[in-house]
Amino acid sequence: MADRILGMRNVMVTTLGEDYVVMAEAKGLTSRRVMWAYAARNAILPNITSFALSLGFVVGGSVLTEIVFSYPGIGSMLLKGVENEDFPLMQGIFLVISLAVLVANFLADLAYVVLDPRTRQEAE
């Protein structure tokens, strides 16, 4: 979590130095408007991508968490499938994990369309 916050801060500092932000400030827009409407919308884009991509690591890390805390979940079920060589169970769990990552990436792409006007394409 801290790495995302630090990354957001670094991207925000970089974005505040961009020409379009300086131009918005020169137009006389309030600093709040410049911060949210110009800088934050562009600075959040890399965080959305990293969040969507890290979903697979979160599910993979659940194996360790569920073992340590004896919590029955998809991670402990995957471990039992490996121990018992239950290949259909493992394939099903990997399918669920893959679908979760695909859905998260699709939602990230939809968020990009909403936040970044450069990704919008008008019908011709």
C-alpha atoms as a PDB file:
ATOM      1  CA  MET A   1       0.000   0.000   0.000  1.00  0.00           C
ATOM      2  CA  ALA A   2       2.780   2.416   0.881  1.00  0.00           C
ATOM      3  CA  ASP A   3       4.451   1.856  -2.456  1.00  0.00           C
ATOM      4  CA  ARG A   4       1.264   2.908  -4.265  1.00  0.00           C
ATOM      5  CA  ILE A   5       0.992   6.063  -2.168  1.00  0.00           C
ATOM      6  CA  LEU A   6       4.638   6.924  -2.752  1.00  0.00           C
ATOM      7  CA  GLY A   7       4.277   6.177  -6.451  1.00  0.00           C
ATOM      8  CA  MET A   8       1.179   8.389  -6.652  1.00  0.00           C
ATOM      9  CA  ARG A   9       3.054  11.212  -4.945  1.00  0.00           C
ATOM     10  CA  ASN A  10       5.981  10.921  -7.363  1.00  0.00           C
ATOM     11  CA  VAL A  11       3.745  10.847 -10.423  1.00  0.00           C
ATOM     12  CA  MET A  12       1.744  13.796  -9.048  1.00  0.00           C
ATOM     13  CA  VAL A  13       4.911  15.858  -8.543  1.00  0.00           C
ATOM     14  CA  THR A  14       5.980  15.063 -12.098  1.00  0.00           C
ATOM     15  CA  THR A  15       2.529  15.833 -13.486  1.00  0.00           C
ATOM     16  CA  LEU A  16       2.365  19.208 -11.726  1.00  0.00           C
ATOM     17  CA  GLY A  17       5.400  20.279 -13.761  1.00  0.00           C
ATOM     18  CA  GLU A  18       3.802  19.434 -17.110  1.00  0.00           C
ATOM     19  CA  ASP A  19       2.990  22.184 -19.599  1.00  0.00           C
ATOM     20  CA  TYR A  20      -0.782  21.671 -19.559  1.00  0.00           C
ATOM     21  CA  VAL A  21      -0.872  22.082 -15.766  1.00  0.00           C
ATOM     22  CA  VAL A  22       1.230  25.249 -15.957  1.00  0.00           C
ATOM     23  CA  MET A  23      -1.116  26.519 -18.686  1.00  0.00           C
ATOM     24  CA  ALA A  24      -4.162  25.802 -16.514  1.00  0.00           C
ATOM     25  CA  GLU A  25      -2.577  27.746 -13.669  1.00  0.00           C
ATOM     26  CA  ALA A  26      -1.770  30.588 -16.065  1.00  0.00           C
ATOM     27  CA  LYS A  27      -5.422  30.728 -17.120  1.00  0.00           C
ATOM     28  CA  GLY A  28      -6.242  31.629 -13.541  1.00  0.00           C
ATOM     29  CA  LEU A  29      -7.961  28.418 -12.503  1.00  0.00           C
ATOM     30  CA  THR A  30      -8.035  27.711  -8.803  1.00  0.00           C
ATOM     31  CA  SER A  31      -5.332  25.444  -7.468  1.00  0.00           C
ATOM     32  CA  ARG A  32      -8.005  22.968  -6.364  1.00  0.00           C
ATOM     33  CA  ARG A  33      -9.435  22.796  -9.897  1.00  0.00           C
ATOM     34  CA  VAL A  34      -5.978  22.386 -11.419  1.00  0.00           C
ATOM     35  CA  MET A  35      -5.085  19.679  -8.905  1.00  0.00           C
ATOM     36  CA  TRP A  36      -8.205  17.549  -9.403  1.00  0.00           C
ATOM     37  CA  ALA A  37      -9.267  18.221 -12.983  1.00  0.00           C
ATOM     38  CA  TYR A  38      -5.827  18.267 -14.592  1.00  0.00           C
ATOM     39  CA  ALA A  39      -3.106  16.710 -12.474  1.00  0.00           C
ATOM     40  CA  ALA A  40      -4.864  14.005 -10.441  1.00  0.00           C
ATOM     41  CA  ARG A  41      -6.728  12.518 -13.406  1.00  0.00           C
ATOM     42  CA  ASN A  42      -3.464  11.864 -15.205  1.00  0.00           C
ATOM     43  CA  ALA A  43      -1.467  10.899 -12.131  1.00  0.00           C
ATOM     44  CA  ILE A  44      -3.904   8.154 -11.095  1.00  0.00           C
ATOM     45  CA  LEU A  45      -3.606   6.236 -14.370  1.00  0.00           C
ATOM     46  CA  PRO A  46      -0.411   4.296 -13.510  1.00  0.00           C
ATOM     47  CA  ASN A  47      -1.891   3.349 -10.124  1.00  0.00           C
ATOM     48  CA  ILE A  48      -5.003   1.933 -11.755  1.00  0.00           C
ATOM     49  CA  THR A  49      -2.829  -0.230 -13.983  1.00  0.00           C
ATOM     50  CA  SER A  50      -0.630  -1.463 -11.144  1.00  0.00           C
ATOM     51  CA  PHE A  51      -3.681  -2.291  -9.035  1.00  0.00           C
ATOM     52  CA  ALA A  52      -5.265  -4.340 -11.802  1.00  0.00           C
ATOM     53  CA  LEU A  53      -2.032  -6.218 -12.457  1.00  0.00           C
ATOM     54  CA  SER A  54      -1.348  -6.889  -8.783  1.00  0.00           C
ATOM     55  CA  LEU A  55      -4.641  -8.735  -8.320  1.00  0.00           C
ATOM     56  CA  GLY A  56      -3.010 -11.996  -9.383  1.00  0.00           C
ATOM     57  CA  PHE A  57      -0.276 -11.521  -6.790  1.00  0.00           C
ATOM     58  CA  VAL A  58      -2.880 -10.834  -4.108  1.00  0.00           C
ATOM     59  CA  VAL A  59      -4.687 -14.085  -4.839  1.00  0.00           C
ATOM     60  CA  GLY A  60      -1.354 -15.929  -5.004  1.00  0.00           C
ATOM     61  CA  GLY A  61      -0.349 -14.463  -1.647  1.00  0.00           C
ATOM     62  CA  SER A  62      -3.578 -15.668  -0.123  1.00  0.00           C
ATOM     63  CA  VAL A  63      -2.137 -19.191   0.004  1.00  0.00           C
ATOM     64  CA  LEU A  64       0.390 -18.154   2.647  1.00  0.00           C
ATOM     65  CA  THR A  65      -2.112 -16.061   4.594  1.00  0.00           C
ATOM     66  CA  GLU A  66      -4.702 -18.830   4.672  1.00  0.00           C
ATOM     67  CA  ILE A  67      -2.145 -21.382   5.820  1.00  0.00           C
ATOM     68  CA  VAL A  68      -0.820 -19.159   8.621  1.00  0.00           C
ATOM     69  CA  PHE A  69      -4.264 -18.209   9.935  1.00  0.00           C
ATOM     70  CA  SER A  70      -5.991 -21.543   9.133  1.00  0.00           C
ATOM     71  CA  TYR A  71      -8.569 -19.720   7.055  1.00  0.00           C
ATOM     72  CA  PRO A  72     -10.465 -21.842   4.508  1.00  0.00           C
ATOM     73  CA  GLY A  73     -10.350 -20.105   1.160  1.00  0.00           C
ATOM     74  CA  ILE A  74      -9.216 -20.423  -2.419  1.00  0.00           C
ATOM     75  CA  GLY A  75      -5.542 -20.447  -1.424  1.00  0.00           C
ATOM     76  CA  SER A  76      -5.855 -23.336   1.022  1.00  0.00           C
ATOM     77  CA  MET A  77      -8.058 -25.163  -1.475  1.00  0.00           C
ATOM     78  CA  LEU A  78      -5.322 -24.735  -4.096  1.00  0.00           C
ATOM     79  CA  LEU A  79      -2.736 -26.110  -1.671  1.00  0.00           C
ATOM     80  CA  LYS A  80      -4.913 -29.151  -0.942  1.00  0.00           C
ATOM     81  CA  GLY A  81      -5.345 -29.675  -4.668  1.00  0.00           C
ATOM     82  CA  VAL A  82      -1.564 -29.640  -5.142  1.00  0.00           C
ATOM     83  CA  GLU A  83      -1.006 -32.018  -2.221  1.00  0.00           C
ATOM     84  CA  ASN A  84      -3.647 -34.460  -3.519  1.00  0.00           C
ATOM     85  CA  GLU A  85      -2.672 -34.016  -7.184  1.00  0.00           C
ATOM     86  CA  ASP A  86      -6.231 -32.950  -7.967  1.00  0.00           C
ATOM     87  CA  PHE A  87      -5.580 -31.485 -11.394  1.00  0.00           C
ATOM     88  CA  PRO A  88      -9.184 -30.535 -12.274  1.00  0.00           C
ATOM     89  CA  LEU A  89      -9.439 -28.570  -9.004  1.00  0.00           C
ATOM     90  CA  MET A  90      -6.159 -26.783  -9.712  1.00  0.00           C
ATOM     91  CA  GLN A  91      -7.278 -25.984 -13.265  1.00  0.00           C
ATOM     92  CA  GLY A  92     -10.547 -24.573 -11.956  1.00  0.00           C
ATOM     93  CA  ILE A  93      -8.780 -22.395  -9.386  1.00  0.00           C
ATOM     94  CA  PHE A  94      -6.301 -21.141 -11.979  1.00  0.00           C
ATOM     95  CA  LEU A  95      -9.245 -20.381 -14.267  1.00  0.00           C
ATOM     96  CA  VAL A  96     -10.953 -18.353 -11.530  1.00  0.00           C
ATOM     97  CA  ILE A  97      -7.731 -16.453 -10.788  1.00  0.00           C
ATOM     98  CA  SER A  98      -7.170 -15.782 -14.505  1.00  0.00           C
ATOM     99  CA  LEU A  99     -10.736 -14.554 -14.954  1.00  0.00           C
ATOM    100  CA  ALA A 100     -10.392 -12.266 -11.930  1.00  0.00           C
ATOM    101  CA  VAL A 101      -7.233 -10.721 -13.392  1.00  0.00           C
ATOM    102  CA  LEU A 102      -8.892 -10.325 -16.807  1.00  0.00           C
ATOM    103  CA  VAL A 103     -11.962  -8.656 -15.289  1.00  0.00           C
ATOM    104  CA  ALA A 104      -9.751  -6.316 -13.241  1.00  0.00           C
ATOM    105  CA  ASN A 105      -7.780  -5.348 -16.346  1.00  0.00           C
ATOM    106  CA  PHE A 106     -11.004  -4.780 -18.289  1.00  0.00           C
ATOM    107  CA  LEU A 107     -12.306  -2.514 -15.514  1.00  0.00           C
ATOM    108  CA  ALA A 108      -8.974  -0.680 -15.548  1.00  0.00           C
ATOM    109  CA  ASP A 109      -9.363  -0.134 -19.299  1.00  0.00           C
ATOM    110  CA  LEU A 110     -12.866   1.244 -18.739  1.00  0.00           C
ATOM    111  CA  ALA A 111     -11.508   3.569 -16.054  1.00  0.00           C
ATOM    112  CA  TYR A 112      -8.874   4.754 -18.519  1.00  0.00           C
ATOM    113  CA  VAL A 113     -11.582   5.708 -21.015  1.00  0.00           C
ATOM    114  CA  VAL A 114     -13.395   7.726 -18.362  1.00  0.00           C
ATOM    115  CA  LEU A 115     -10.297   9.433 -16.927  1.00  0.00           C
ATOM    116  CA  ASP A 116      -8.095   9.930 -19.992  1.00  0.00           C
ATOM    117  CA  PRO A 117      -9.661  11.767 -22.935  1.00  0.00           C
ATOM    118  CA  ARG A 118      -6.798  10.650 -25.207  1.00  0.00           C
ATOM    119  CA  THR A 119      -8.124   7.079 -25.141  1.00  0.00           C
ATOM    120  CA  ARG A 120     -11.588   8.030 -26.346  1.00  0.00           C
ATOM    121  CA  GLN A 121     -12.250   7.516 -30.029  1.00  0.00           C
ATOM    122  CA  GLU A 122     -15.241   9.014 -31.723  1.00  0.00           C
ATOM    123  CA  ALA A 123     -17.170   6.980 -34.282  1.00  0.00           C
ATOM    124  CA  GLU A 124     -16.439   8.120 -37.800  1.00  0.00           C
END
